[in-house]
Amino acid sequence: MLAYRAFTRNTSRGVVDSLPVSGSLLDGRRAVVTGGAQGLGAAIVHRFADEGAHGTVVDLVEPATPLPLGWTAVAADVGDEESTAAAVGAERIDVLVAAAGVVPGWAATDEQDLADWDAVFRVNVRGVMTTLKAVIPLMESGSSIVIMASLNSWRGDPNLASYVASKHAALGIVRAAALDLGRRGIRVNALAPGPIATDAMLARMATRERERGIPTAEALAAAGRQTALGRIATAGEVASAALFLAGEEASGITGHLLPVDGGIA
C-alpha cells in the first residue's frame, strides 16, 4: 500500500495536495553525481541509491567502493565541456549533485601560485558551470540541482585564498541559476559542509602533521570544539541534507545555502 505525504504544490488551485509516494524518496529518479567516486560524493550516491535513485557517477578516478545497483561510473574531467557533456549523456536527469572539487595546499595570499589558482577554479567554478550546461537541457519541471559549496562560501580561512574564492563563486552561480531556472520548475541549492573526516581531509591533516607538527587527532578535536554540537558533522549527515534538497520535501526551496557543519558560529 502506498503511503500519502501532504505538501504544498505550486498549482493553479494553490491548495495542499496529498499525493501517493513510495517508501523511497527518490524512487525511479535518475541522478548524476560529479565527484561521486569517493568522499562526500560517494556518500551521496549510496544515500540516493538507498532511496530508489539510479544514475551516473562522473569522476576522474575509479569509485573507491563498488557502486550500488543501477549506478554506472564514467570517467570525465568536469573542467572540459565536451568531456562533461559526453559523460552526462542524453537521457532525462531528475537530480544533479555537483560535488566535484579540489582543495589546494596551504599558501599565503602573497605566495599564491597562479597556476594552482587556475587549477582550483577550473574544477570548483568552471566545473560547476560545464556540468550545469550539460545537464539543464535534460531536465524537466520538478528537477533539482544541488551544488557542493562550503562554509568558505561566506567566510574566509587563512592560507586558502583560491579555495575560499572558488566557493564564494560557486554560491554566486547557485543564486543566479536559481533565478534563471525557477520559472522552469528547476530548483538550485547548495550545501555548505564544515570539516568532515573524509579520507581526503584526513590525508591533508596527515600532511600538515608531517610538515607543521599539528597532530591530526588534535586538529579534529579542535574542529569539533568550534561547533554547537561539540563534534564535526559526518559524511552521512551531508548525504542526508543532499537528499532533502533533492526531493519533494524541499519543493519550495531554491537559491539557498544549507550548512551542515555541527553549528559553527
Protein backbone atom coordinates (compact mmCIF):
# COMPACT_ATOMS: atom_id res chain seq x y z
CA MET A 1 0.00 0.00 0.00
CA LEU A 2 1.28 3.45 -0.82
CA ALA A 3 1.69 5.99 1.93
CA TYR A 4 0.48 9.54 1.45
CA ARG A 5 2.51 12.64 2.16
CA ALA A 6 0.95 16.11 2.23
CA PHE A 7 2.85 19.00 0.78
CA THR A 8 2.04 22.30 -0.89
CA ARG A 9 2.42 22.41 -4.64
CA ASN A 10 2.50 25.49 -6.82
CA THR A 11 -0.77 24.72 -8.61
CA SER A 12 -3.49 26.88 -10.08
CA ARG A 13 -5.67 25.94 -7.11
CA GLY A 14 -2.97 26.85 -4.59
CA VAL A 15 -4.02 24.10 -2.17
CA VAL A 16 -2.29 21.45 -0.13
CA ASP A 17 -2.37 18.20 -2.07
CA SER A 18 -1.93 14.68 -0.76
CA LEU A 19 -0.08 12.62 -3.32
CA PRO A 20 0.89 8.95 -3.16
CA VAL A 21 4.58 8.31 -2.63
CA SER A 22 6.52 5.13 -2.29
CA GLY A 23 8.63 4.37 0.73
CA SER A 24 11.66 5.71 -1.14
CA LEU A 25 12.14 9.43 -1.53
CA LEU A 26 13.83 9.26 -4.96
CA ASP A 27 12.14 6.17 -6.34
CA GLY A 28 12.74 5.92 -10.10
CA ARG A 29 14.67 9.21 -10.29
CA ARG A 30 17.81 9.43 -12.40
CA ALA A 31 20.66 11.32 -10.78
CA VAL A 32 24.10 12.48 -11.88
CA VAL A 33 26.73 12.98 -9.18
CA THR A 34 30.03 14.55 -10.16
CA GLY A 35 32.88 13.75 -7.83
CA GLY A 36 30.87 10.72 -6.74
CA ALA A 37 33.70 8.18 -6.70
CA GLN A 38 34.84 8.96 -3.18
CA GLY A 39 34.31 11.18 -0.15
CA LEU A 40 31.10 13.18 0.19
CA GLY A 41 30.08 12.45 -3.39
CA ALA A 42 30.23 8.70 -2.77
CA ALA A 43 28.22 9.04 0.44
CA ILE A 44 25.56 10.90 -1.53
CA VAL A 45 25.46 8.24 -4.26
CA HIS A 46 24.86 5.47 -1.73
CA ARG A 47 22.24 7.51 0.15
CA PHE A 48 20.38 8.27 -3.08
CA ALA A 49 20.53 4.60 -4.08
CA ASP A 50 19.04 3.63 -0.73
CA GLU A 51 16.11 5.91 -1.59
CA GLY A 52 15.46 4.40 -5.01
CA ALA A 53 17.58 6.56 -7.34
CA HIS A 54 19.72 5.23 -10.17
CA GLY A 55 22.21 7.15 -12.22
CA THR A 56 25.74 8.08 -13.17
CA VAL A 57 28.88 8.92 -11.25
CA VAL A 58 31.14 11.33 -13.14
CA ASP A 59 34.70 11.43 -11.83
CA LEU A 60 38.31 11.22 -12.94
CA VAL A 61 39.06 8.33 -10.58
CA GLU A 62 37.56 4.87 -10.13
CA PRO A 63 34.93 4.52 -7.38
CA ALA A 64 36.56 3.75 -4.04
CA THR A 65 33.84 1.19 -3.27
CA PRO A 66 31.50 -0.84 -5.52
CA LEU A 67 28.65 1.25 -6.88
CA PRO A 68 25.07 0.43 -5.91
CA LEU A 69 22.83 -1.47 -8.32
CA GLY A 70 21.63 0.79 -11.12
CA TRP A 71 24.63 3.12 -10.99
CA THR A 72 27.46 3.41 -13.52
CA ALA A 73 30.72 5.32 -13.45
CA VAL A 74 32.01 7.42 -16.34
CA ALA A 75 35.46 8.99 -16.35
CA ALA A 76 35.40 12.68 -17.24
CA ASP A 77 37.13 15.96 -16.50
CA VAL A 78 34.45 18.42 -15.38
CA GLY A 79 36.69 21.28 -16.41
CA ASP A 80 36.32 20.16 -20.04
CA GLU A 81 32.96 20.98 -21.61
CA GLU A 82 32.94 18.22 -24.22
CA SER A 83 34.11 15.55 -21.78
CA THR A 84 31.41 16.50 -19.30
CA ALA A 85 28.64 16.55 -21.88
CA ALA A 86 29.66 13.11 -23.16
CA ALA A 87 29.71 11.68 -19.63
CA VAL A 88 26.27 13.05 -18.78
CA GLY A 89 24.72 11.51 -21.89
CA ALA A 90 21.32 12.30 -23.40
CA GLU A 91 18.82 10.68 -21.01
CA ARG A 92 16.47 12.66 -18.78
CA ILE A 93 18.07 13.79 -15.50
CA ASP A 94 15.97 14.44 -12.41
CA VAL A 95 18.71 15.33 -9.92
CA LEU A 96 22.20 16.74 -10.29
CA VAL A 97 24.69 16.88 -7.46
CA ALA A 98 27.79 18.81 -8.48
CA ALA A 99 30.25 17.58 -5.86
CA ALA A 100 33.48 17.51 -7.87
CA GLY A 101 36.05 19.75 -6.25
CA VAL A 102 39.65 20.17 -5.23
CA VAL A 103 41.24 21.59 -2.09
CA PRO A 104 44.69 23.09 -2.66
CA GLY A 105 47.65 23.03 -0.34
CA TRP A 106 48.15 25.91 2.04
CA ALA A 107 49.63 29.10 0.62
CA ALA A 108 49.63 32.64 1.96
CA THR A 109 47.95 35.19 -0.27
CA ASP A 110 51.24 36.79 -1.33
CA GLU A 111 52.73 33.35 -2.03
CA GLN A 112 49.84 32.12 -4.20
CA ASP A 113 50.96 30.26 -7.31
CA LEU A 114 48.62 31.45 -10.06
CA ALA A 115 48.87 28.14 -11.89
CA ASP A 116 47.49 26.47 -8.76
CA TRP A 117 44.84 29.20 -8.57
CA ASP A 118 43.73 28.44 -12.13
CA ALA A 119 43.66 24.70 -11.40
CA VAL A 120 41.34 25.21 -8.43
CA PHE A 121 38.99 27.46 -10.39
CA ARG A 122 38.99 25.05 -13.33
CA VAL A 123 37.32 22.38 -11.20
CA ASN A 124 35.48 24.29 -8.47
CA VAL A 125 33.98 27.01 -10.66
CA ARG A 126 34.31 26.17 -14.34
CA GLY A 127 33.47 22.55 -13.49
CA VAL A 128 30.18 23.61 -11.93
CA MET A 129 29.26 25.65 -14.98
CA THR A 130 30.21 22.99 -17.55
CA THR A 131 28.12 20.47 -15.59
CA LEU A 132 25.11 22.79 -15.45
CA LYS A 133 25.33 23.46 -19.18
CA ALA A 134 25.38 19.73 -19.89
CA VAL A 135 22.58 18.77 -17.52
CA ILE A 136 19.99 21.57 -17.65
CA PRO A 137 18.77 20.75 -21.21
CA LEU A 138 18.00 17.22 -19.94
CA MET A 139 15.89 18.41 -17.00
CA GLU A 140 12.15 18.93 -16.75
CA SER A 141 9.97 20.79 -14.26
CA GLY A 142 10.38 19.23 -10.82
CA SER A 143 14.09 18.55 -11.24
CA SER A 144 16.64 19.61 -8.64
CA ILE A 145 20.25 20.74 -8.64
CA VAL A 146 22.46 20.57 -5.55
CA ILE A 147 25.89 22.18 -5.71
CA MET A 148 28.58 21.39 -3.16
CA ALA A 149 29.63 24.72 -1.70
CA SER A 150 31.32 25.16 1.68
CA LEU A 151 31.34 27.19 4.84
CA ASN A 152 34.03 29.04 2.88
CA SER A 153 31.26 30.30 0.62
CA TRP A 154 30.64 33.02 3.22
CA ARG A 155 33.72 33.08 5.46
CA GLY A 156 37.44 33.15 4.94
CA ASP A 157 40.29 30.96 6.10
CA PRO A 158 44.00 31.79 6.16
CA ASN A 159 46.26 30.25 3.53
CA LEU A 160 43.33 29.13 1.35
CA ALA A 161 42.55 32.16 -0.81
CA SER A 162 41.98 30.17 -4.01
CA TYR A 163 39.60 27.71 -2.35
CA VAL A 164 37.68 30.40 -0.48
CA ALA A 165 37.30 32.48 -3.62
CA SER A 166 36.17 29.46 -5.65
CA LYS A 167 33.48 28.54 -3.13
CA HIS A 168 32.22 32.14 -3.00
CA ALA A 169 31.94 31.90 -6.79
CA ALA A 170 30.06 28.59 -6.59
CA LEU A 171 27.46 30.20 -4.33
CA GLY A 172 27.11 33.05 -6.81
CA ILE A 173 26.36 30.52 -9.54
CA VAL A 174 23.69 28.92 -7.34
CA ARG A 175 21.94 32.22 -6.70
CA ALA A 176 21.99 33.27 -10.35
CA ALA A 177 20.98 29.85 -11.70
CA ALA A 178 18.07 29.63 -9.23
CA LEU A 179 16.65 32.82 -10.72
CA ASP A 180 17.26 31.66 -14.29
CA LEU A 181 15.66 28.24 -13.81
CA GLY A 182 12.93 28.80 -11.24
CA ARG A 183 10.16 29.58 -13.73
CA ARG A 184 11.04 26.32 -15.49
CA GLY A 185 10.37 24.41 -12.28
CA ILE A 186 14.03 23.54 -11.66
CA ARG A 187 15.38 24.23 -8.18
CA VAL A 188 19.03 25.08 -7.46
CA ASN A 189 20.51 24.95 -3.96
CA ALA A 190 23.86 24.46 -2.29
CA LEU A 191 25.28 22.51 0.63
CA ALA A 192 27.88 24.01 2.94
CA PRO A 193 29.70 21.25 4.81
CA GLY A 194 32.04 22.18 7.60
CA PRO A 195 35.08 20.00 8.29
CA ILE A 196 34.17 16.37 7.51
CA ALA A 197 36.54 13.50 8.30
CA THR A 198 36.71 12.14 4.76
CA ASP A 199 39.78 10.25 3.59
CA ALA A 200 40.86 13.33 1.65
CA MET A 201 40.64 15.62 4.69
CA LEU A 202 42.45 13.12 6.89
CA ALA A 203 45.20 12.87 4.27
CA ARG A 204 45.58 16.67 4.25
CA MET A 205 45.73 16.69 8.05
CA ALA A 206 48.40 13.98 7.97
CA THR A 207 50.46 16.11 5.60
CA ARG A 208 50.13 19.11 7.90
CA GLU A 209 51.15 16.92 10.82
CA ARG A 210 54.33 15.94 8.99
CA GLU A 211 55.10 19.43 7.71
CA ARG A 212 53.88 21.64 10.55
CA GLY A 213 53.74 19.35 13.56
CA ILE A 214 49.96 19.68 14.05
CA PRO A 215 48.70 16.24 15.24
CA THR A 216 45.65 15.04 13.29
CA ALA A 217 43.80 13.98 16.45
CA GLU A 218 44.28 17.44 17.96
CA ALA A 219 43.14 19.14 14.74
CA LEU A 220 39.95 17.04 14.65
CA ALA A 221 39.24 17.71 18.32
CA ALA A 222 39.81 21.44 17.83
CA ALA A 223 37.41 21.47 14.87
CA GLY A 224 34.77 19.78 16.99
CA ARG A 225 35.14 22.29 19.79
CA GLN A 226 34.22 25.09 17.38
CA THR A 227 30.73 23.69 16.83
CA ALA A 228 27.50 23.95 18.81
CA LEU A 229 27.21 20.14 18.82
CA GLY A 230 30.74 19.70 20.14
CA ARG A 231 31.66 17.49 17.17
CA ILE A 232 32.15 17.77 13.44
CA ALA A 233 29.39 16.66 11.08
CA THR A 234 29.62 13.35 9.23
CA ALA A 235 29.54 12.40 5.56
CA GLY A 236 26.26 10.62 6.20
CA GLU A 237 24.73 13.83 7.54
CA VAL A 238 25.84 15.72 4.44
CA ALA A 239 24.31 12.98 2.27
CA SER A 240 21.00 13.25 4.15
CA ALA A 241 20.97 17.00 3.60
CA ALA A 242 21.59 16.44 -0.12
CA LEU A 243 18.67 14.00 -0.16
CA PHE A 244 16.43 16.61 1.45
CA LEU A 245 17.32 19.29 -1.10
CA ALA A 246 16.94 16.83 -3.98
CA GLY A 247 13.48 15.62 -3.05
CA GLU A 248 9.92 16.88 -2.81
CA GLU A 249 10.27 17.80 0.86
CA ALA A 250 12.30 20.81 -0.34
CA SER A 251 9.94 21.65 -3.23
CA GLY A 252 9.59 25.26 -2.08
CA ILE A 253 13.30 25.89 -1.53
CA THR A 254 15.64 27.33 -4.16
CA GLY A 255 18.60 29.68 -4.26
CA HIS A 256 19.70 28.79 -0.73
CA LEU A 257 22.78 27.51 1.05
CA LEU A 258 22.24 24.80 3.69
CA PRO A 259 25.09 24.49 6.21
CA VAL A 260 25.93 21.02 7.54
CA ASP A 261 28.64 21.92 9.99
CA GLY A 262 27.55 21.00 13.50
CA GLY A 263 26.74 24.63 14.19
CA ILE A 264 29.96 26.55 13.58
CA ALA A 265 29.48 30.11 14.82
